[in-house]
Amino acid sequence: MHPRREAVPFAFVAETDRFRSNVTPPARQRPGLSEIAGRTLIGLTVVAGLVGSLLFGMPALQAGPQAGHAQQSEASQGR
């Protein structure tokens, strides 16, 4: 026993693609001065955090010959 399916005409399916609603969405409110200032402060805080992490992280990422040389000289002096 198969469930009974009704045939849907192709013209009806194609017609749904062209359907446009006649209801207009509400107008967007313009952001106030305090909202613009808040968004700007949040953006500046994020950018400052990224720049600060780069400034503090760059010396740790640089493999300088001084650090490796100091360890080798301490080990060679111990022998």
C-alpha atoms as a PDB file:
ATOM      1  CA  MET A   1       0.000   0.000   0.000  1.00  0.00           C
ATOM      2  CA  HIS A   2       1.637   3.170  -1.222  1.00  0.00           C
ATOM      3  CA  PRO A   3       0.537   6.533   0.145  1.00  0.00           C
ATOM      4  CA  ARG A   4      -1.452   8.490  -2.378  1.00  0.00           C
ATOM      5  CA  ARG A   5       0.414  11.474  -3.819  1.00  0.00           C
ATOM      6  CA  GLU A   6      -1.286  14.263  -5.655  1.00  0.00           C
ATOM      7  CA  ALA A   7       0.293  15.515  -8.825  1.00  0.00           C
ATOM      8  CA  VAL A   8       1.497  19.109  -8.684  1.00  0.00           C
ATOM      9  CA  PRO A   9       1.397  20.917 -12.009  1.00  0.00           C
ATOM     10  CA  PHE A  10       4.740  22.327 -13.099  1.00  0.00           C
ATOM     11  CA  ALA A  11       3.269  25.746 -13.806  1.00  0.00           C
ATOM     12  CA  PHE A  12       2.279  26.089 -10.152  1.00  0.00           C
ATOM     13  CA  VAL A  13       5.820  25.263  -8.973  1.00  0.00           C
ATOM     14  CA  ALA A  14       7.354  27.728 -11.438  1.00  0.00           C
ATOM     15  CA  GLU A  15       4.911  30.392 -10.324  1.00  0.00           C
ATOM     16  CA  THR A  16       6.139  30.247  -6.717  1.00  0.00           C
ATOM     17  CA  ASP A  17       9.622  31.376  -7.801  1.00  0.00           C
ATOM     18  CA  ARG A  18       8.218  34.663  -9.085  1.00  0.00           C
ATOM     19  CA  PHE A  19       6.032  35.365  -6.048  1.00  0.00           C
ATOM     20  CA  ARG A  20       6.669  38.703  -4.362  1.00  0.00           C
ATOM     21  CA  SER A  21       5.061  39.782  -1.146  1.00  0.00           C
ATOM     22  CA  ASN A  22       3.106  43.026  -1.100  1.00  0.00           C
ATOM     23  CA  VAL A  23       4.027  43.589   2.565  1.00  0.00           C
ATOM     24  CA  THR A  24       6.823  46.108   2.960  1.00  0.00           C
ATOM     25  CA  PRO A  25       9.293  45.554   5.794  1.00  0.00           C
ATOM     26  CA  PRO A  26       9.574  48.260   8.434  1.00  0.00           C
ATOM     27  CA  ALA A  27      12.097  51.012   7.776  1.00  0.00           C
ATOM     28  CA  ARG A  28      15.498  50.591   9.421  1.00  0.00           C
ATOM     29  CA  GLN A  29      16.236  53.025  12.200  1.00  0.00           C
ATOM     30  CA  ARG A  30      19.341  55.134  11.846  1.00  0.00           C
ATOM     31  CA  PRO A  31      21.906  54.475  14.584  1.00  0.00           C
ATOM     32  CA  GLY A  32      22.273  57.221  17.136  1.00  0.00           C
ATOM     33  CA  LEU A  33      25.451  58.999  18.125  1.00  0.00           C
ATOM     34  CA  SER A  34      25.963  56.834  21.213  1.00  0.00           C
ATOM     35  CA  GLU A  35      25.584  53.637  19.167  1.00  0.00           C
ATOM     36  CA  ILE A  36      28.131  54.830  16.598  1.00  0.00           C
ATOM     37  CA  ALA A  37      30.542  55.808  19.399  1.00  0.00           C
ATOM     38  CA  GLY A  38      30.091  52.404  21.065  1.00  0.00           C
ATOM     39  CA  ARG A  39      30.772  50.509  17.853  1.00  0.00           C
ATOM     40  CA  THR A  40      33.850  52.654  17.212  1.00  0.00           C
ATOM     41  CA  LEU A  41      35.206  52.001  20.711  1.00  0.00           C
ATOM     42  CA  ILE A  42      34.663  48.261  20.367  1.00  0.00           C
ATOM     43  CA  GLY A  43      36.440  48.261  16.994  1.00  0.00           C
ATOM     44  CA  LEU A  44      39.365  50.263  18.348  1.00  0.00           C
ATOM     45  CA  THR A  45      39.637  47.936  21.349  1.00  0.00           C
ATOM     46  CA  VAL A  46      39.796  44.874  19.101  1.00  0.00           C
ATOM     47  CA  VAL A  47      42.401  46.467  16.820  1.00  0.00           C
ATOM     48  CA  ALA A  48      44.482  47.614  19.807  1.00  0.00           C
ATOM     49  CA  GLY A  49      44.389  44.088  21.242  1.00  0.00           C
ATOM     50  CA  LEU A  50      45.608  42.577  17.978  1.00  0.00           C
ATOM     51  CA  VAL A  51      48.397  45.144  17.622  1.00  0.00           C
ATOM     52  CA  GLY A  52      49.428  44.656  21.251  1.00  0.00           C
ATOM     53  CA  SER A  53      49.570  40.884  20.875  1.00  0.00           C
ATOM     54  CA  LEU A  54      51.773  41.295  17.810  1.00  0.00           C
ATOM     55  CA  LEU A  55      54.101  43.695  19.633  1.00  0.00           C
ATOM     56  CA  PHE A  56      54.490  41.400  22.632  1.00  0.00           C
ATOM     57  CA  GLY A  57      54.581  38.209  20.573  1.00  0.00           C
ATOM     58  CA  MET A  58      57.166  39.178  17.956  1.00  0.00           C
ATOM     59  CA  PRO A  59      60.220  39.016  20.277  1.00  0.00           C
ATOM     60  CA  ALA A  60      59.191  35.529  21.391  1.00  0.00           C
ATOM     61  CA  LEU A  61      58.905  34.354  17.787  1.00  0.00           C
ATOM     62  CA  GLN A  62      62.322  35.644  16.744  1.00  0.00           C
ATOM     63  CA  ALA A  63      65.049  33.052  17.168  1.00  0.00           C
ATOM     64  CA  GLY A  64      68.108  35.181  17.783  1.00  0.00           C
ATOM     65  CA  PRO A  65      71.679  33.888  17.847  1.00  0.00           C
ATOM     66  CA  GLN A  66      72.177  35.453  21.288  1.00  0.00           C
ATOM     67  CA  ALA A  67      69.865  33.046  23.089  1.00  0.00           C
ATOM     68  CA  GLY A  68      71.355  29.935  21.482  1.00  0.00           C
ATOM     69  CA  HIS A  69      74.926  31.226  21.910  1.00  0.00           C
ATOM     70  CA  ALA A  70      74.447  31.961  25.617  1.00  0.00           C
ATOM     71  CA  GLN A  71      73.226  28.443  26.277  1.00  0.00           C
ATOM     72  CA  GLN A  72      76.110  26.899  24.395  1.00  0.00           C
ATOM     73  CA  SER A  73      78.682  29.040  26.179  1.00  0.00           C
ATOM     74  CA  GLU A  74      77.292  28.105  29.612  1.00  0.00           C
ATOM     75  CA  ALA A  75      77.390  24.421  28.713  1.00  0.00           C
ATOM     76  CA  SER A  76      80.937  24.646  27.352  1.00  0.00           C
ATOM     77  CA  GLN A  77      82.182  26.483  30.454  1.00  0.00           C
ATOM     78  CA  GLY A  78      80.873  23.731  32.723  1.00  0.00           C
ATOM     79  CA  ARG A  79      83.154  21.065  31.166  1.00  0.00           C
END
